[in-house]
N, C-alpha and C. Protein backbone atom coordinates (compact mmCIF):
# COMPACT_ATOMS: atom_id res chain seq x y z
N MET A 1 0.84 -1.18 0.00
CA MET A 1 0.00 0.00 0.00
C MET A 1 0.88 1.25 0.00
N ARG A 2 0.54 2.18 -0.84
CA ARG A 2 1.31 3.43 -0.98
C ARG A 2 0.73 4.48 -0.05
N MET A 3 1.60 5.13 0.72
CA MET A 3 1.18 6.17 1.67
C MET A 3 1.06 7.50 0.95
N ASP A 4 -0.07 8.16 1.15
CA ASP A 4 -0.27 9.50 0.57
C ASP A 4 0.60 10.49 1.34
N LYS A 5 1.38 11.28 0.62
CA LYS A 5 2.31 12.22 1.26
C LYS A 5 1.59 13.28 2.08
N ALA A 6 0.48 13.79 1.56
CA ALA A 6 -0.26 14.83 2.28
C ALA A 6 -0.84 14.27 3.57
N ALA A 7 -1.46 13.09 3.50
CA ALA A 7 -2.05 12.48 4.70
C ALA A 7 -0.96 12.16 5.72
N PHE A 8 0.17 11.68 5.26
CA PHE A 8 1.28 11.36 6.15
C PHE A 8 1.81 12.62 6.83
N SER A 9 1.95 13.70 6.08
CA SER A 9 2.43 14.96 6.64
C SER A 9 1.44 15.52 7.67
N MET A 10 0.16 15.43 7.35
CA MET A 10 -0.87 15.90 8.28
C MET A 10 -0.82 15.08 9.57
N ALA A 11 -0.68 13.78 9.45
CA ALA A 11 -0.60 12.92 10.63
C ALA A 11 0.64 13.24 11.47
N LEU A 12 1.76 13.47 10.81
CA LEU A 12 2.98 13.82 11.55
C LEU A 12 2.82 15.12 12.32
N LEU A 13 2.18 16.12 11.70
CA LEU A 13 1.94 17.38 12.40
C LEU A 13 1.05 17.18 13.61
N ARG A 14 0.04 16.34 13.49
CA ARG A 14 -0.85 16.06 14.62
C ARG A 14 -0.12 15.30 15.72
N ILE A 15 0.77 14.40 15.35
CA ILE A 15 1.59 13.70 16.35
C ILE A 15 2.49 14.70 17.07
N LEU A 16 3.10 15.60 16.31
CA LEU A 16 3.93 16.65 16.90
C LEU A 16 3.11 17.51 17.86
N SER A 17 1.93 17.90 17.42
CA SER A 17 1.05 18.72 18.26
C SER A 17 0.69 18.00 19.56
N GLY A 18 0.32 16.74 19.43
CA GLY A 18 -0.02 15.96 20.62
C GLY A 18 1.17 15.80 21.56
N SER A 19 2.35 15.62 20.99
CA SER A 19 3.57 15.50 21.81
C SER A 19 3.85 16.79 22.56
N ILE A 20 3.65 17.92 21.88
CA ILE A 20 3.85 19.22 22.53
C ILE A 20 2.85 19.39 23.67
N GLU A 21 1.60 19.00 23.44
CA GLU A 21 0.56 19.11 24.47
C GLU A 21 0.90 18.23 25.69
N LEU A 22 1.31 17.00 25.42
CA LEU A 22 1.66 16.10 26.53
C LEU A 22 2.87 16.61 27.30
N THR A 23 3.87 17.09 26.57
CA THR A 23 5.06 17.64 27.23
C THR A 23 4.68 18.83 28.10
N ALA A 24 3.83 19.69 27.59
CA ALA A 24 3.38 20.86 28.37
C ALA A 24 2.65 20.41 29.64
N ALA A 25 1.82 19.38 29.52
CA ALA A 25 1.10 18.88 30.70
C ALA A 25 2.07 18.35 31.75
N PHE A 26 3.09 17.61 31.32
CA PHE A 26 4.08 17.09 32.28
C PHE A 26 4.89 18.22 32.91
N VAL A 27 5.21 19.25 32.12
CA VAL A 27 5.94 20.40 32.67
C VAL A 27 5.08 21.13 33.70
N MET A 28 3.79 21.26 33.41
CA MET A 28 2.89 21.89 34.39
C MET A 28 2.88 21.10 35.69
N LEU A 29 2.81 19.78 35.58
CA LEU A 29 2.82 18.94 36.78
C LEU A 29 4.15 19.06 37.52
N ARG A 30 5.22 19.13 36.77
CA ARG A 30 6.56 19.25 37.38
C ARG A 30 6.72 20.55 38.15
N PHE A 31 6.28 21.67 37.56
CA PHE A 31 6.39 22.96 38.23
C PHE A 31 5.42 23.09 39.40
N ASN A 32 4.25 22.47 39.28
CA ASN A 32 3.25 22.48 40.34
C ASN A 32 2.95 23.90 40.83
N ASP A 33 2.81 24.81 39.88
CA ASP A 33 2.55 26.22 40.20
C ASP A 33 1.53 26.75 39.20
N VAL A 34 0.44 27.30 39.71
CA VAL A 34 -0.64 27.73 38.83
C VAL A 34 -0.21 28.85 37.89
N GLN A 35 0.65 29.76 38.34
CA GLN A 35 1.10 30.85 37.47
C GLN A 35 1.93 30.32 36.30
N LYS A 36 2.83 29.41 36.59
CA LYS A 36 3.66 28.83 35.52
C LYS A 36 2.81 27.97 34.59
N ALA A 37 1.84 27.26 35.15
CA ALA A 37 0.94 26.45 34.33
C ALA A 37 0.13 27.33 33.38
N LEU A 38 -0.29 28.48 33.88
CA LEU A 38 -1.05 29.41 33.04
C LEU A 38 -0.18 29.96 31.91
N ILE A 39 1.08 30.25 32.19
CA ILE A 39 2.01 30.73 31.16
C ILE A 39 2.20 29.64 30.09
N ILE A 40 2.40 28.41 30.54
CA ILE A 40 2.58 27.30 29.60
C ILE A 40 1.33 27.12 28.76
N ASN A 41 0.18 27.20 29.40
CA ASN A 41 -1.09 27.06 28.69
C ASN A 41 -1.27 28.17 27.65
N SER A 42 -0.84 29.37 27.99
CA SER A 42 -0.94 30.49 27.05
C SER A 42 -0.05 30.26 25.83
N MET A 43 1.11 29.70 26.06
CA MET A 43 1.99 29.40 24.93
C MET A 43 1.37 28.35 24.02
N LEU A 44 0.63 27.42 24.60
CA LEU A 44 -0.03 26.39 23.81
C LEU A 44 -1.14 26.96 22.94
N ALA A 45 -1.67 28.11 23.34
CA ALA A 45 -2.72 28.74 22.55
C ALA A 45 -2.22 29.13 21.16
N LEU A 46 -0.92 29.27 21.00
CA LEU A 46 -0.34 29.57 19.68
C LEU A 46 -0.17 28.31 18.85
N VAL A 47 0.09 27.20 19.51
CA VAL A 47 0.38 25.95 18.81
C VAL A 47 -0.85 25.42 18.07
N GLY A 48 -2.00 25.43 18.73
CA GLY A 48 -3.22 24.87 18.14
C GLY A 48 -3.58 25.48 16.80
N PRO A 49 -3.73 26.80 16.73
CA PRO A 49 -4.07 27.42 15.44
C PRO A 49 -3.01 27.22 14.37
N LEU A 50 -1.74 27.22 14.77
CA LEU A 50 -0.67 27.00 13.78
C LEU A 50 -0.76 25.59 13.19
N ILE A 51 -1.02 24.61 14.03
CA ILE A 51 -1.17 23.24 13.54
C ILE A 51 -2.41 23.13 12.67
N LEU A 52 -3.51 23.78 13.09
CA LEU A 52 -4.74 23.77 12.29
C LEU A 52 -4.49 24.35 10.90
N ILE A 53 -3.85 25.49 10.85
CA ILE A 53 -3.55 26.14 9.56
C ILE A 53 -2.64 25.26 8.71
N SER A 54 -1.61 24.70 9.34
CA SER A 54 -0.65 23.88 8.60
C SER A 54 -1.29 22.61 8.04
N THR A 55 -2.03 21.88 8.88
CA THR A 55 -2.64 20.64 8.39
C THR A 55 -3.70 20.92 7.33
N THR A 56 -4.47 21.98 7.51
CA THR A 56 -5.48 22.34 6.51
C THR A 56 -4.83 22.72 5.19
N THR A 57 -3.75 23.48 5.27
CA THR A 57 -3.04 23.88 4.05
C THR A 57 -2.50 22.66 3.32
N ILE A 58 -1.89 21.76 4.05
CA ILE A 58 -1.36 20.54 3.43
C ILE A 58 -2.49 19.74 2.78
N GLY A 59 -3.61 19.61 3.49
CA GLY A 59 -4.76 18.88 2.94
C GLY A 59 -5.31 19.53 1.68
N LEU A 60 -5.41 20.86 1.71
CA LEU A 60 -5.94 21.56 0.53
C LEU A 60 -4.99 21.46 -0.65
N VAL A 61 -3.71 21.53 -0.39
CA VAL A 61 -2.74 21.36 -1.48
C VAL A 61 -2.85 19.94 -2.05
N GLY A 62 -3.03 18.97 -1.15
CA GLY A 62 -3.18 17.59 -1.61
C GLY A 62 -4.45 17.37 -2.43
N LEU A 63 -5.49 18.14 -2.16
CA LEU A 63 -6.75 18.01 -2.88
C LEU A 63 -6.93 19.02 -4.00
N SER A 64 -5.96 19.90 -4.19
CA SER A 64 -6.13 21.02 -5.11
C SER A 64 -6.52 20.60 -6.53
N ASP A 65 -6.03 19.47 -6.97
CA ASP A 65 -6.38 19.03 -8.32
C ASP A 65 -7.79 18.44 -8.40
N LYS A 66 -8.39 18.11 -7.24
CA LYS A 66 -9.71 17.49 -7.22
C LYS A 66 -10.83 18.47 -6.84
N LEU A 67 -10.46 19.67 -6.39
CA LEU A 67 -11.46 20.64 -5.94
C LEU A 67 -11.77 21.67 -7.01
N SER A 68 -13.04 22.01 -7.11
CA SER A 68 -13.41 23.12 -8.00
C SER A 68 -13.09 24.42 -7.29
N PRO A 69 -12.90 25.50 -8.01
CA PRO A 69 -12.60 26.79 -7.38
C PRO A 69 -13.67 27.22 -6.37
N VAL A 70 -14.94 26.92 -6.65
CA VAL A 70 -16.02 27.29 -5.73
C VAL A 70 -15.89 26.53 -4.41
N LYS A 71 -15.62 25.23 -4.47
CA LYS A 71 -15.44 24.44 -3.25
C LYS A 71 -14.23 24.93 -2.46
N PHE A 72 -13.18 25.27 -3.18
CA PHE A 72 -11.97 25.77 -2.52
C PHE A 72 -12.29 27.07 -1.75
N ILE A 73 -13.08 27.94 -2.34
CA ILE A 73 -13.47 29.20 -1.68
C ILE A 73 -14.32 28.90 -0.44
N TRP A 74 -15.26 27.95 -0.54
CA TRP A 74 -16.07 27.59 0.62
C TRP A 74 -15.21 27.02 1.76
N ILE A 75 -14.26 26.19 1.41
CA ILE A 75 -13.37 25.63 2.44
C ILE A 75 -12.53 26.74 3.08
N ALA A 76 -11.99 27.63 2.27
CA ALA A 76 -11.20 28.75 2.79
C ALA A 76 -12.05 29.64 3.70
N ALA A 77 -13.30 29.86 3.32
CA ALA A 77 -14.20 30.66 4.15
C ALA A 77 -14.48 29.96 5.48
N GLY A 78 -14.66 28.66 5.44
CA GLY A 78 -14.89 27.89 6.68
C GLY A 78 -13.70 27.92 7.61
N VAL A 79 -12.51 27.75 7.06
CA VAL A 79 -11.29 27.81 7.88
C VAL A 79 -11.12 29.21 8.44
N SER A 80 -11.41 30.23 7.66
CA SER A 80 -11.33 31.61 8.15
C SER A 80 -12.28 31.83 9.32
N CYS A 81 -13.49 31.32 9.20
CA CYS A 81 -14.45 31.45 10.31
C CYS A 81 -13.95 30.74 11.56
N LEU A 82 -13.37 29.57 11.39
CA LEU A 82 -12.80 28.86 12.54
C LEU A 82 -11.71 29.68 13.21
N LEU A 83 -10.81 30.22 12.41
CA LEU A 83 -9.70 31.00 12.97
C LEU A 83 -10.19 32.27 13.65
N ILE A 84 -11.18 32.93 13.06
CA ILE A 84 -11.73 34.13 13.70
C ILE A 84 -12.36 33.75 15.03
N GLY A 85 -13.08 32.65 15.07
CA GLY A 85 -13.71 32.20 16.31
C GLY A 85 -12.70 31.80 17.38
N ILE A 86 -11.58 31.23 16.95
CA ILE A 86 -10.57 30.80 17.91
C ILE A 86 -9.73 31.98 18.40
N LEU A 87 -9.34 32.85 17.50
CA LEU A 87 -8.36 33.89 17.84
C LEU A 87 -8.96 35.19 18.34
N ARG A 88 -10.22 35.45 18.08
CA ARG A 88 -10.84 36.70 18.54
C ARG A 88 -11.16 36.61 20.03
N LYS A 89 -11.03 37.71 20.69
CA LYS A 89 -11.30 37.73 22.13
C LYS A 89 -12.60 38.42 22.41
């Protein structure tokens, strides 16, 4: 079976993201301080959207030959709405 490069790259990014999350959780436990845990958690707030953007971009590039321009615009609009919802305060 041949592995799709885009799917493999997306999976690797998600593994990296999960590893960062787990490492942050262990560091929070190690420090055992709510202020430091909050700082670590705040830094993680940057990781999630970056991974989302990266995996979505890789997926869209992988599907670019199969998507019509209208579908591509709808997907881009949906991702934009997600990012606005996540990043707006």
